[in-house]
Amino acid sequence: MSLWGTVWGVGLPVIVVGGAVAAVCVAASEPPDRFSRPHGWQWAWVGLWIMTAGDAAFGDDRSSFERGWKGATALLVAVAVAVAVWRHHRWRKRVRGARA
């Protein structure tokens, strides 16, 4: 395997999955009042999720390694969004309760 093939076949999945893990960490540690719904460039996360979930689920001509890392990425992105939305929802309920 050439150097470029190794970088593309191993380095890219490590970077993408690492970025998804970082997204989960940021979603769990950022203040919940900073969450905002996607607008502008943030729609790229939606595209990433759709692309990786589709390739993992329906990528018949993909290797099992590629389907695995794309599935892991899709799962981690979905978890990051779910954690951020849940924390933001709890924070908003707490803020509304304090006002009343």
N, C-alpha and C. Protein backbone atom coordinates (compact mmCIF):
# COMPACT_ATOMS: atom_id res chain seq x y z
N MET A 1 0.85 -1.17 0.00
CA MET A 1 0.00 0.00 0.00
C MET A 1 0.90 1.24 0.00
N SER A 2 0.56 2.20 -0.81
CA SER A 2 1.35 3.42 -0.91
C SER A 2 1.14 4.30 0.32
N LEU A 3 2.00 5.28 0.46
CA LEU A 3 1.88 6.21 1.59
C LEU A 3 0.54 6.94 1.55
N TRP A 4 0.15 7.38 0.37
CA TRP A 4 -1.13 8.08 0.23
C TRP A 4 -2.30 7.16 0.57
N GLY A 5 -2.22 5.91 0.15
CA GLY A 5 -3.26 4.94 0.47
C GLY A 5 -3.35 4.68 1.97
N THR A 6 -2.22 4.65 2.64
CA THR A 6 -2.22 4.46 4.09
C THR A 6 -2.81 5.67 4.80
N VAL A 7 -2.41 6.86 4.37
CA VAL A 7 -2.95 8.08 4.97
C VAL A 7 -4.45 8.13 4.77
N TRP A 8 -4.90 7.84 3.57
CA TRP A 8 -6.34 7.89 3.25
C TRP A 8 -7.11 6.79 3.97
N GLY A 9 -6.53 5.60 4.05
CA GLY A 9 -7.23 4.45 4.61
C GLY A 9 -7.20 4.35 6.11
N VAL A 10 -6.19 4.94 6.76
CA VAL A 10 -6.07 4.85 8.22
C VAL A 10 -6.12 6.23 8.87
N GLY A 11 -5.39 7.18 8.31
CA GLY A 11 -5.31 8.51 8.92
C GLY A 11 -6.63 9.26 8.91
N LEU A 12 -7.33 9.23 7.79
CA LEU A 12 -8.61 9.92 7.68
C LEU A 12 -9.64 9.37 8.66
N PRO A 13 -9.82 8.04 8.76
CA PRO A 13 -10.78 7.54 9.75
C PRO A 13 -10.43 7.93 11.18
N VAL A 14 -9.15 7.93 11.52
CA VAL A 14 -8.74 8.32 12.87
C VAL A 14 -9.09 9.78 13.13
N ILE A 15 -8.85 10.64 12.15
CA ILE A 15 -9.15 12.06 12.31
C ILE A 15 -10.65 12.29 12.42
N VAL A 16 -11.44 11.63 11.58
CA VAL A 16 -12.90 11.84 11.58
C VAL A 16 -13.52 11.31 12.86
N VAL A 17 -13.15 10.11 13.28
CA VAL A 17 -13.69 9.55 14.52
C VAL A 17 -13.20 10.37 15.71
N GLY A 18 -11.97 10.81 15.68
CA GLY A 18 -11.46 11.68 16.76
C GLY A 18 -12.22 12.99 16.83
N GLY A 19 -12.55 13.55 15.69
CA GLY A 19 -13.36 14.78 15.67
C GLY A 19 -14.75 14.55 16.24
N ALA A 20 -15.34 13.40 15.95
CA ALA A 20 -16.65 13.08 16.51
C ALA A 20 -16.58 12.89 18.02
N VAL A 21 -15.51 12.26 18.51
CA VAL A 21 -15.32 12.12 19.95
C VAL A 21 -15.15 13.50 20.59
N ALA A 22 -14.41 14.38 19.94
CA ALA A 22 -14.25 15.75 20.45
C ALA A 22 -15.59 16.47 20.48
N ALA A 23 -16.45 16.22 19.49
CA ALA A 23 -17.77 16.85 19.48
C ALA A 23 -18.60 16.39 20.67
N VAL A 24 -18.51 15.11 21.02
CA VAL A 24 -19.23 14.61 22.20
C VAL A 24 -18.69 15.26 23.47
N CYS A 25 -17.38 15.37 23.57
CA CYS A 25 -16.77 16.00 24.75
C CYS A 25 -17.19 17.47 24.87
N VAL A 26 -17.19 18.18 23.77
CA VAL A 26 -17.60 19.58 23.78
C VAL A 26 -19.08 19.71 24.15
N ALA A 27 -19.91 18.83 23.61
CA ALA A 27 -21.34 18.87 23.91
C ALA A 27 -21.60 18.61 25.39
N ALA A 28 -20.77 17.77 26.00
CA ALA A 28 -20.96 17.44 27.41
C ALA A 28 -20.36 18.48 28.35
N SER A 29 -19.39 19.26 27.87
CA SER A 29 -18.70 20.18 28.77
C SER A 29 -19.02 21.66 28.55
N GLU A 30 -19.50 22.03 27.37
CA GLU A 30 -19.84 23.43 27.11
C GLU A 30 -21.03 23.85 27.95
N PRO A 31 -21.12 25.12 28.30
CA PRO A 31 -22.32 25.59 29.00
C PRO A 31 -23.55 25.39 28.12
N PRO A 32 -24.65 24.89 28.70
CA PRO A 32 -25.83 24.58 27.88
C PRO A 32 -26.47 25.80 27.24
N ASP A 33 -26.19 26.99 27.73
CA ASP A 33 -26.78 28.18 27.12
C ASP A 33 -26.11 28.55 25.81
N ARG A 34 -24.99 27.93 25.48
CA ARG A 34 -24.29 28.23 24.23
C ARG A 34 -24.79 27.40 23.06
N PHE A 35 -25.68 26.43 23.31
CA PHE A 35 -26.20 25.58 22.24
C PHE A 35 -27.10 26.39 21.32
N SER A 36 -26.96 26.18 20.04
CA SER A 36 -27.86 26.81 19.09
C SER A 36 -28.17 25.82 17.98
N ARG A 37 -29.31 25.96 17.40
CA ARG A 37 -29.67 25.08 16.30
C ARG A 37 -28.80 25.41 15.10
N PRO A 38 -28.62 24.42 14.20
CA PRO A 38 -27.73 24.65 13.06
C PRO A 38 -28.17 25.82 12.18
N HIS A 39 -27.23 26.64 11.85
CA HIS A 39 -27.41 27.69 10.85
C HIS A 39 -26.05 27.95 10.24
N GLY A 40 -26.02 28.30 9.00
CA GLY A 40 -24.75 28.56 8.33
C GLY A 40 -23.92 27.29 8.18
N TRP A 41 -22.65 27.35 8.54
CA TRP A 41 -21.73 26.25 8.35
C TRP A 41 -22.06 25.06 9.23
N GLN A 42 -22.86 25.24 10.29
CA GLN A 42 -23.17 24.14 11.20
C GLN A 42 -23.99 23.04 10.53
N TRP A 43 -24.60 23.36 9.39
CA TRP A 43 -25.32 22.33 8.65
C TRP A 43 -24.37 21.26 8.12
N ALA A 44 -23.08 21.54 8.13
CA ALA A 44 -22.11 20.53 7.70
C ALA A 44 -22.18 19.30 8.60
N TRP A 45 -22.51 19.48 9.88
CA TRP A 45 -22.65 18.33 10.79
C TRP A 45 -23.81 17.44 10.36
N VAL A 46 -24.89 18.05 9.90
CA VAL A 46 -26.03 17.27 9.41
C VAL A 46 -25.62 16.48 8.17
N GLY A 47 -24.90 17.13 7.27
CA GLY A 47 -24.41 16.45 6.07
C GLY A 47 -23.46 15.32 6.41
N LEU A 48 -22.56 15.54 7.37
CA LEU A 48 -21.63 14.51 7.80
C LEU A 48 -22.39 13.32 8.37
N TRP A 49 -23.41 13.60 9.19
CA TRP A 49 -24.17 12.51 9.79
C TRP A 49 -24.91 11.71 8.72
N ILE A 50 -25.57 12.40 7.81
CA ILE A 50 -26.32 11.70 6.75
C ILE A 50 -25.38 10.87 5.88
N MET A 51 -24.25 11.44 5.50
CA MET A 51 -23.31 10.73 4.64
C MET A 51 -22.74 9.50 5.34
N THR A 52 -22.28 9.65 6.57
CA THR A 52 -21.66 8.51 7.26
C THR A 52 -22.69 7.45 7.63
N ALA A 53 -23.87 7.87 8.06
CA ALA A 53 -24.91 6.88 8.40
C ALA A 53 -25.35 6.12 7.15
N GLY A 54 -25.49 6.82 6.04
CA GLY A 54 -25.88 6.16 4.80
C GLY A 54 -24.82 5.20 4.30
N ASP A 55 -23.56 5.61 4.33
CA ASP A 55 -22.49 4.71 3.90
C ASP A 55 -22.37 3.51 4.82
N ALA A 56 -22.55 3.71 6.12
CA ALA A 56 -22.44 2.59 7.06
C ALA A 56 -23.60 1.61 6.88
N ALA A 57 -24.79 2.13 6.63
CA ALA A 57 -25.96 1.26 6.52
C ALA A 57 -26.11 0.64 5.13
N PHE A 58 -25.83 1.41 4.10
CA PHE A 58 -26.14 0.96 2.74
C PHE A 58 -24.92 0.85 1.83
N GLY A 59 -23.73 0.98 2.36
CA GLY A 59 -22.52 0.93 1.53
C GLY A 59 -22.11 -0.49 1.21
N ASP A 60 -22.81 -1.11 0.28
CA ASP A 60 -22.56 -2.52 -0.03
C ASP A 60 -21.16 -2.79 -0.56
N ASP A 61 -20.61 -1.84 -1.30
CA ASP A 61 -19.29 -2.07 -1.87
C ASP A 61 -18.17 -1.52 -0.97
N ARG A 62 -18.48 -1.18 0.26
CA ARG A 62 -17.49 -0.68 1.21
C ARG A 62 -16.93 -1.83 2.03
N SER A 63 -15.69 -1.67 2.49
CA SER A 63 -15.11 -2.70 3.36
C SER A 63 -15.76 -2.63 4.74
N SER A 64 -15.64 -3.69 5.49
CA SER A 64 -16.25 -3.70 6.83
C SER A 64 -15.58 -2.67 7.74
N PHE A 65 -14.28 -2.43 7.56
CA PHE A 65 -13.58 -1.41 8.34
C PHE A 65 -14.16 -0.03 8.04
N GLU A 66 -14.37 0.28 6.76
CA GLU A 66 -14.91 1.59 6.39
C GLU A 66 -16.34 1.76 6.90
N ARG A 67 -17.14 0.72 6.76
CA ARG A 67 -18.52 0.80 7.27
C ARG A 67 -18.52 0.95 8.78
N GLY A 68 -17.56 0.32 9.45
CA GLY A 68 -17.47 0.42 10.90
C GLY A 68 -17.11 1.81 11.38
N TRP A 69 -16.08 2.43 10.78
CA TRP A 69 -15.69 3.75 11.27
C TRP A 69 -16.72 4.80 10.89
N LYS A 70 -17.38 4.61 9.76
CA LYS A 70 -18.43 5.57 9.39
C LYS A 70 -19.64 5.40 10.30
N GLY A 71 -19.96 4.18 10.68
CA GLY A 71 -21.04 3.96 11.63
C GLY A 71 -20.72 4.54 13.00
N ALA A 72 -19.48 4.37 13.44
CA ALA A 72 -19.07 4.94 14.72
C ALA A 72 -19.14 6.46 14.69
N THR A 73 -18.73 7.06 13.58
CA THR A 73 -18.81 8.51 13.44
C THR A 73 -20.25 8.99 13.48
N ALA A 74 -21.12 8.32 12.75
CA ALA A 74 -22.54 8.70 12.73
C ALA A 74 -23.14 8.59 14.12
N LEU A 75 -22.81 7.52 14.83
CA LEU A 75 -23.32 7.34 16.19
C LEU A 75 -22.81 8.42 17.12
N LEU A 76 -21.53 8.74 17.05
CA LEU A 76 -20.96 9.77 17.93
C LEU A 76 -21.53 11.15 17.65
N VAL A 77 -21.73 11.48 16.38
CA VAL A 77 -22.34 12.78 16.04
C VAL A 77 -23.77 12.84 16.57
N ALA A 78 -24.53 11.76 16.43
CA ALA A 78 -25.90 11.72 16.95
C ALA A 78 -25.90 11.84 18.47
N VAL A 79 -24.96 11.19 19.15
CA VAL A 79 -24.87 11.29 20.61
C VAL A 79 -24.52 12.72 21.02
N ALA A 80 -23.60 13.37 20.30
CA ALA A 80 -23.22 14.74 20.63
C ALA A 80 -24.42 15.67 20.52
N VAL A 81 -25.19 15.52 19.46
CA VAL A 81 -26.37 16.37 19.27
C VAL A 81 -27.41 16.09 20.36
N ALA A 82 -27.63 14.81 20.66
CA ALA A 82 -28.62 14.46 21.68
C ALA A 82 -28.22 14.99 23.05
N VAL A 83 -26.95 14.89 23.40
CA VAL A 83 -26.47 15.40 24.69
C VAL A 83 -26.63 16.92 24.75
N ALA A 84 -26.25 17.60 23.68
CA ALA A 84 -26.36 19.06 23.66
C ALA A 84 -27.81 19.51 23.77
N VAL A 85 -28.70 18.85 23.03
CA VAL A 85 -30.12 19.23 23.07
C VAL A 85 -30.70 18.94 24.45
N TRP A 86 -30.39 17.79 25.03
CA TRP A 86 -30.90 17.43 26.35
C TRP A 86 -30.42 18.40 27.42
N ARG A 87 -29.13 18.74 27.40
CA ARG A 87 -28.60 19.69 28.39
C ARG A 87 -29.22 21.08 28.21
N HIS A 88 -29.41 21.49 26.96
CA HIS A 88 -30.00 22.80 26.71
C HIS A 88 -31.46 22.82 27.16
N HIS A 89 -32.18 21.74 26.91
CA HIS A 89 -33.59 21.66 27.33
C HIS A 89 -33.69 21.73 28.86
N ARG A 90 -32.85 20.99 29.56
CA ARG A 90 -32.86 21.04 31.04
C ARG A 90 -32.50 22.43 31.54
N TRP A 91 -31.54 23.09 30.89
CA TRP A 91 -31.13 24.43 31.30
C TRP A 91 -32.27 25.41 31.12
N ARG A 92 -32.98 25.31 29.97
CA ARG A 92 -34.10 26.23 29.72
C ARG A 92 -35.22 26.03 30.73
N LYS A 93 -35.51 24.78 31.09
CA LYS A 93 -36.54 24.52 32.11
C LYS A 93 -36.13 25.13 33.44
N ARG A 94 -34.87 25.03 33.80
CA ARG A 94 -34.37 25.59 35.05
C ARG A 94 -34.46 27.12 35.04
N VAL A 95 -34.12 27.74 33.91
CA VAL A 95 -34.19 29.19 33.80
C VAL A 95 -35.63 29.67 33.88
N ARG A 96 -36.54 28.98 33.19
CA ARG A 96 -37.96 29.36 33.26
C ARG A 96 -38.51 29.20 34.66
N GLY A 97 -38.09 28.12 35.35
CA GLY A 97 -38.56 27.89 36.72
C GLY A 97 -38.05 28.95 37.67
N ALA A 98 -36.87 29.48 37.44
CA ALA A 98 -36.30 30.52 38.29
C ALA A 98 -37.03 31.86 38.09
N ARG A 99 -37.52 32.09 36.88
CA ARG A 99 -38.22 33.35 36.59
C ARG A 99 -39.60 33.38 37.21
N ALA A 100 -40.23 32.22 37.30
CA ALA A 100 -41.62 32.17 37.79
C ALA A 100 -41.75 32.31 39.28
